[in-house]
C-alpha atoms as a PDB file:
ATOM      1  CA  MET A   1       0.113   0.256   0.207  1.00  0.00           C
ATOM      2  CA  THR A   2       1.403   3.462  -1.304  1.00  0.00           C
ATOM      3  CA  ALA A   3       0.952   6.544   1.300  1.00  0.00           C
ATOM      4  CA  PRO A   4      -2.139   8.755   0.351  1.00  0.00           C
ATOM      5  CA  PRO A   5      -0.599  11.908  -1.642  1.00  0.00           C
ATOM      6  CA  THR A   6       0.147  15.017   0.376  1.00  0.00           C
ATOM      7  CA  PRO A   7      -1.898  18.473  -0.051  1.00  0.00           C
ATOM      8  CA  PRO A   8       0.218  21.379  -1.607  1.00  0.00           C
ATOM      9  CA  GLY A   9       1.265  23.753   1.097  1.00  0.00           C
ATOM     10  CA  PRO A  10       3.197  23.601   3.658  1.00  0.00           C
ATOM     11  CA  SER A  11       3.669  20.349   5.769  1.00  0.00           C
ATOM     12  CA  ILE A  12       2.841  20.007   9.290  1.00  0.00           C
ATOM     13  CA  PRO A  13       4.628  17.457  11.225  1.00  0.00           C
ATOM     14  CA  PRO A  14       3.224  14.648  13.180  1.00  0.00           C
ATOM     15  CA  GLY A  15       2.603  15.683  16.603  1.00  0.00           C
ATOM     16  CA  SER A  16       2.822  19.192  16.019  1.00  0.00           C
ATOM     17  CA  PRO A  17      -0.565  21.540  17.297  1.00  0.00           C
ATOM     18  CA  GLY A  18      -1.044  23.185  13.640  1.00  0.00           C
ATOM     19  CA  PRO A  19      -2.204  26.230  12.508  1.00  0.00           C
ATOM     20  CA  ALA A  20      -5.407  26.076  14.840  1.00  0.00           C
ATOM     21  CA  ALA A  21      -3.571  26.480  17.777  1.00  0.00           C
ATOM     22  CA  GLU A  22      -2.059  29.809  16.399  1.00  0.00           C
ATOM     23  CA  LEU A  23      -5.708  31.417  16.463  1.00  0.00           C
ATOM     24  CA  PRO A  24      -6.371  33.374  19.595  1.00  0.00           C
ATOM     25  CA  PRO A  25      -9.900  32.190  21.257  1.00  0.00           C
ATOM     26  CA  ALA A  26     -13.096  33.408  20.895  1.00  0.00           C
ATOM     27  CA  ALA A  27     -13.407  35.500  23.858  1.00  0.00           C
ATOM     28  CA  GLU A  28      -9.901  37.490  22.473  1.00  0.00           C
ATOM     29  CA  LEU A  29     -11.617  37.966  19.179  1.00  0.00           C
ATOM     30  CA  ALA A  30     -15.073  39.488  20.807  1.00  0.00           C
ATOM     31  CA  SER A  31     -12.871  41.852  22.973  1.00  0.00           C
ATOM     32  CA  ALA A  32     -10.797  42.943  20.261  1.00  0.00           C
ATOM     33  CA  ALA A  33     -13.305  44.013  17.673  1.00  0.00           C
ATOM     34  CA  GLU A  34     -14.165  46.882  20.420  1.00  0.00           C
ATOM     35  CA  LEU A  35     -13.829  49.983  19.126  1.00  0.00           C
ATOM     36  CA  PRO A  36     -12.626  52.588  21.322  1.00  0.00           C
ATOM     37  CA  PRO A  37     -15.152  55.399  22.251  1.00  0.00           C
ATOM     38  CA  ALA A  38     -13.873  58.513  20.193  1.00  0.00           C
ATOM     39  CA  ALA A  39     -13.994  56.344  16.762  1.00  0.00           C
ATOM     40  CA  ASP A  40     -17.201  54.497  17.891  1.00  0.00           C
ATOM     41  CA  LYS A  41     -18.780  58.056  18.098  1.00  0.00           C
ATOM     42  CA  ALA A  42     -16.922  59.450  15.108  1.00  0.00           C
ATOM     43  CA  LEU A  43     -18.564  56.196  12.869  1.00  0.00           C
ATOM     44  CA  ARG A  44     -21.711  56.558  14.279  1.00  0.00           C
ATOM     45  CA  ILE A  45     -21.764  60.669  13.567  1.00  0.00           C
ATOM     46  CA  ALA A  46     -20.771  59.574   9.707  1.00  0.00           C
ATOM     47  CA  ALA A  47     -23.785  56.740   9.378  1.00  0.00           C
ATOM     48  CA  VAL A  48     -25.555  59.877  10.267  1.00  0.00           C
ATOM     49  CA  VAL A  49     -23.922  62.066   7.723  1.00  0.00           C
ATOM     50  CA  VAL A  50     -24.279  59.305   5.031  1.00  0.00           C
ATOM     51  CA  GLY A  51     -27.792  58.682   6.055  1.00  0.00           C
ATOM     52  CA  THR A  52     -28.970  62.259   5.709  1.00  0.00           C
ATOM     53  CA  VAL A  53     -26.972  62.598   2.519  1.00  0.00           C
ATOM     54  CA  ALA A  54     -28.711  59.525   1.220  1.00  0.00           C
ATOM     55  CA  ALA A  55     -32.035  61.149   1.788  1.00  0.00           C
ATOM     56  CA  VAL A  56     -31.486  64.372   0.456  1.00  0.00           C
ATOM     57  CA  LEU A  57     -30.338  62.860  -2.886  1.00  0.00           C
ATOM     58  CA  VAL A  58     -33.876  60.809  -2.673  1.00  0.00           C
ATOM     59  CA  ALA A  59     -35.499  64.412  -2.014  1.00  0.00           C
ATOM     60  CA  LEU A  60     -33.484  65.588  -5.184  1.00  0.00           C
ATOM     61  CA  ALA A  61     -34.664  62.285  -7.426  1.00  0.00           C
ATOM     62  CA  SER A  62     -37.889  61.788  -6.645  1.00  0.00           C
ATOM     63  CA  GLY A  63     -38.669  65.711  -6.956  1.00  0.00           C
ATOM     64  CA  PHE A  64     -37.355  65.670 -10.084  1.00  0.00           C
ATOM     65  CA  LEU A  65     -39.381  62.214 -11.207  1.00  0.00           C
ATOM     66  CA  VAL A  66     -42.737  64.201 -10.286  1.00  0.00           C
ATOM     67  CA  PRO A  67     -43.366  65.364 -14.038  1.00  0.00           C
ATOM     68  CA  PHE A  68     -42.190  61.648 -15.580  1.00  0.00           C
ATOM     69  CA  ARG A  69     -44.502  60.850 -18.285  1.00  0.00           C
ATOM     70  CA  ILE A  70     -45.012  57.925 -20.520  1.00  0.00           C
ATOM     71  CA  GLY A  71     -46.498  59.273 -23.691  1.00  0.00           C
ATOM     72  CA  SER A  72     -49.041  61.667 -22.372  1.00  0.00           C
ATOM     73  CA  ALA A  73     -49.819  59.482 -18.978  1.00  0.00           C
ATOM     74  CA  SER A  74     -48.600  60.591 -15.919  1.00  0.00           C
ATOM     75  CA  VAL A  75     -46.666  57.531 -14.354  1.00  0.00           C
ATOM     76  CA  PRO A  76     -46.293  58.764 -10.546  1.00  0.00           C
ATOM     77  CA  ILE A  77     -42.655  56.774  -9.950  1.00  0.00           C
ATOM     78  CA  CYS A  78     -41.384  59.574  -7.610  1.00  0.00           C
ATOM     79  CA  LEU A  79     -43.917  58.362  -5.092  1.00  0.00           C
ATOM     80  CA  LEU A  80     -42.359  55.040  -5.254  1.00  0.00           C
ATOM     81  CA  VAL A  81     -38.621  56.456  -5.112  1.00  0.00           C
ATOM     82  CA  SER A  82     -39.505  58.688  -2.174  1.00  0.00           C
ATOM     83  CA  ILE A  83     -41.678  56.302  -0.216  1.00  0.00           C
ATOM     84  CA  VAL A  84     -38.859  53.430  -0.229  1.00  0.00           C
ATOM     85  CA  GLY A  85     -35.897  56.007  -0.415  1.00  0.00           C
ATOM     86  CA  ASN A  86     -37.045  57.241   2.969  1.00  0.00           C
ATOM     87  CA  VAL A  87     -37.637  54.259   4.550  1.00  0.00           C
ATOM     88  CA  VAL A  88     -34.367  53.061   3.829  1.00  0.00           C
ATOM     89  CA  ALA A  89     -32.489  55.691   4.767  1.00  0.00           C
ATOM     90  CA  VAL A  90     -33.883  56.275   7.867  1.00  0.00           C
ATOM     91  CA  ARG A  91     -33.956  52.627   9.003  1.00  0.00           C
ATOM     92  CA  TRP A  92     -30.291  52.505   7.794  1.00  0.00           C
ATOM     93  CA  THR A  93     -29.161  55.025  10.043  1.00  0.00           C
ATOM     94  CA  TYR A  94     -30.887  53.933  12.850  1.00  0.00           C
ATOM     95  CA  ARG A  95     -29.586  50.261  12.486  1.00  0.00           C
ATOM     96  CA  ALA A  96     -26.148  51.644  11.713  1.00  0.00           C
ATOM     97  CA  THR A  97     -25.814  53.900  14.725  1.00  0.00           C
ATOM     98  CA  GLY A  98     -28.352  52.765  17.471  1.00  0.00           C
ATOM     99  CA  TRP A  99     -29.551  56.502  17.846  1.00  0.00           C
ATOM    100  CA  LYS A 100     -32.952  56.960  17.787  1.00  0.00           C
ATOM    101  CA  GLY A 101     -32.017  60.324  17.509  1.00  0.00           C
ATOM    102  CA  ALA A 102     -30.127  59.787  14.382  1.00  0.00           C
ATOM    103  CA  MET A 103     -33.638  59.105  12.982  1.00  0.00           C
ATOM    104  CA  LEU A 104     -33.982  63.145  12.798  1.00  0.00           C
ATOM    105  CA  GLY A 105     -31.018  63.308  10.292  1.00  0.00           C
ATOM    106  CA  PRO A 106     -32.421  61.711   7.189  1.00  0.00           C
ATOM    107  CA  ALA A 107     -35.797  63.349   7.567  1.00  0.00           C
ATOM    108  CA  MET A 108     -34.442  66.938   8.377  1.00  0.00           C
ATOM    109  CA  GLY A 109     -32.530  66.427   5.283  1.00  0.00           C
ATOM    110  CA  TRP A 110     -35.217  65.127   2.932  1.00  0.00           C
ATOM    111  CA  LEU A 111     -37.499  68.298   3.863  1.00  0.00           C
ATOM    112  CA  VAL A 112     -35.161  70.826   3.379  1.00  0.00           C
ATOM    113  CA  ALA A 113     -34.318  69.453   0.491  1.00  0.00           C
ATOM    114  CA  THR A 114     -37.712  68.882  -1.259  1.00  0.00           C
ATOM    115  CA  LEU A 115     -39.757  71.959   0.235  1.00  0.00           C
ATOM    116  CA  PRO A 116     -37.325  74.611  -1.369  1.00  0.00           C
ATOM    117  CA  LEU A 117     -38.067  72.507  -4.694  1.00  0.00           C
ATOM    118  CA  THR A 118     -42.062  73.629  -4.462  1.00  0.00           C
ATOM    119  CA  ILE A 119     -41.165  77.232  -4.849  1.00  0.00           C
ATOM    120  CA  ARG A 120     -41.599  79.292  -8.135  1.00  0.00           C
ATOM    121  CA  THR A 121     -38.555  80.561  -9.362  1.00  0.00           C
ATOM    122  CA  ALA A 122     -38.743  84.796 -10.575  1.00  0.00           C
ATOM    123  CA  GLU A 123     -39.193  83.010 -14.312  1.00  0.00           C
ATOM    124  CA  GLY A 124     -41.981  81.167 -13.394  1.00  0.00           C
ATOM    125  CA  ASP A 125     -40.554  77.898 -13.160  1.00  0.00           C
ATOM    126  CA  VAL A 126     -40.975  75.015 -10.448  1.00  0.00           C
ATOM    127  CA  VAL A 127     -40.230  71.822  -9.759  1.00  0.00           C
ATOM    128  CA  ILE A 128     -42.246  69.836  -7.472  1.00  0.00           C
ATOM    129  CA  PRO A 129     -45.540  71.704  -8.718  1.00  0.00           C
ATOM    130  CA  GLY A 130     -49.204  71.570  -6.475  1.00  0.00           C
ATOM    131  CA  ASN A 131     -50.184  69.169  -8.960  1.00  0.00           C
ATOM    132  CA  LEU A 132     -51.857  65.521  -7.416  1.00  0.00           C
ATOM    133  CA  THR A 133     -48.617  64.053  -8.025  1.00  0.00           C
ATOM    134  CA  GLY A 134     -46.455  66.859  -6.274  1.00  0.00           C
ATOM    135  CA  VAL A 135     -48.897  67.327  -3.294  1.00  0.00           C
ATOM    136  CA  ALA A 136     -48.931  62.947  -3.008  1.00  0.00           C
ATOM    137  CA  LEU A 137     -44.887  63.625  -2.918  1.00  0.00           C
ATOM    138  CA  LEU A 138     -44.891  65.662  -0.479  1.00  0.00           C
ATOM    139  CA  VAL A 139     -47.510  63.753   2.037  1.00  0.00           C
ATOM    140  CA  LEU A 140     -46.518  60.306   1.078  1.00  0.00           C
ATOM    141  CA  GLY A 141     -42.942  60.946   1.684  1.00  0.00           C
ATOM    142  CA  SER A 142     -43.340  63.043   5.241  1.00  0.00           C
ATOM    143  CA  LEU A 143     -45.958  59.909   6.249  1.00  0.00           C
ATOM    144  CA  ALA A 144     -42.742  57.648   5.086  1.00  0.00           C
ATOM    145  CA  LEU A 145     -40.452  59.286   6.877  1.00  0.00           C
ATOM    146  CA  ALA A 146     -42.607  60.147  10.314  1.00  0.00           C
ATOM    147  CA  GLY A 147     -44.172  55.960  10.136  1.00  0.00           C
ATOM    148  CA  THR A 148     -40.606  54.572   9.794  1.00  0.00           C
ATOM    149  CA  ALA A 149     -39.455  57.051  12.603  1.00  0.00           C
ATOM    150  CA  TYR A 150     -42.479  55.879  15.020  1.00  0.00           C
ATOM    151  CA  VAL A 151     -41.608  52.350  14.355  1.00  0.00           C
ATOM    152  CA  GLY A 152     -38.273  52.885  14.860  1.00  0.00           C
ATOM    153  CA  ILE A 153     -38.921  54.656  18.510  1.00  0.00           C
ATOM    154  CA  LEU A 154     -41.123  51.885  19.911  1.00  0.00           C
ATOM    155  CA  GLY A 155     -39.590  49.233  18.147  1.00  0.00           C
ATOM    156  CA  PRO A 156     -37.085  46.919  19.618  1.00  0.00           C
ATOM    157  CA  PRO A 157     -33.312  48.503  19.939  1.00  0.00           C
ATOM    158  CA  PRO A 158     -31.537  47.224  16.369  1.00  0.00           C
ATOM    159  CA  PRO A 159     -28.969  44.449  17.163  1.00  0.00           C
ATOM    160  CA  SER A 160     -25.944  44.880  18.015  1.00  0.00           C
ATOM    161  CA  PRO A 161     -23.144  45.504  15.431  1.00  0.00           C
ATOM    162  CA  ASN A 162     -20.836  43.003  17.300  1.00  0.00           C
ATOM    163  CA  ARG A 163     -23.696  40.620  17.661  1.00  0.00           C
ATOM    164  CA  ASP A 164     -21.745  37.774  15.208  1.00  0.00           C
ATOM    165  CA  LEU A 165     -18.314  37.895  17.559  1.00  0.00           C
ATOM    166  CA  ARG A 166     -20.276  37.193  20.487  1.00  0.00           C
ATOM    167  CA  ILE A 167     -19.966  33.747  22.128  1.00  0.00           C
ATOM    168  CA  ALA A 168     -22.642  31.085  21.583  1.00  0.00           C
ATOM    169  CA  PRO A 169     -23.958  29.226  24.988  1.00  0.00           C
ATOM    170  CA  GLU A 170     -22.648  25.587  25.248  1.00  0.00           C
ATOM    171  CA  PRO A 171     -24.903  23.029  23.612  1.00  0.00           C
ATOM    172  CA  VAL A 172     -27.114  21.224  26.045  1.00  0.00           C
ATOM    173  CA  THR A 173     -26.489  17.090  26.082  1.00  0.00           C
ATOM    174  CA  GLY A 174     -28.515  14.619  27.262  1.00  0.00           C
ATOM    175  CA  ASP A 175     -32.232  14.373  28.048  1.00  0.00           C
ATOM    176  CA  SER A 176     -33.135  17.882  29.616  1.00  0.00           C
ATOM    177  CA  ARG A 177     -36.451  16.220  31.057  1.00  0.00           C
ATOM    178  CA  ARG A 178     -35.364  13.664  32.856  1.00  0.00           C
ATOM    179  CA  GLY A 179     -32.767  15.922  34.281  1.00  0.00           C
ATOM    180  CA  THR A 180     -29.472  13.653  33.223  1.00  0.00           C
ATOM    181  CA  MET A 181     -26.736  14.681  31.253  1.00  0.00           C
END
């Protein structure tokens, strides 16, 4: 009989602990993943800024999509963009920061970007007109922001960003009904 072929790569001598022994235990990995308080706060503030910028982009995109037409029929795609975009921006900001107050960033960003689009210029131009689609955009976009923030405030806290690094409890073996292990 011949010995099985050895896999390519470095060979491990028999009786040595192998490459798995070089890894730190899971408890050390979980504690190493913790950020210093200053870095954690900076990342949370950056997440609020990213969520706010996303909401402003949603406001601009939905505002310029109000007059979207196919042929002579008005297609209110701006409503879908505004509702979905606002919900995603607010929920992402809340989940990324864990702060309930962080949901105000995207909400205020959307409002500050949308309301000036309703003002008529000196030449008479307006981006979001006072027609049914324009008013529906303002009402449904605001309701999406308010509803998402309301659910976020009353709902459970977001999961911890370090949830994958937590140590799982030891599995129970044996029959727990009889109390024997």
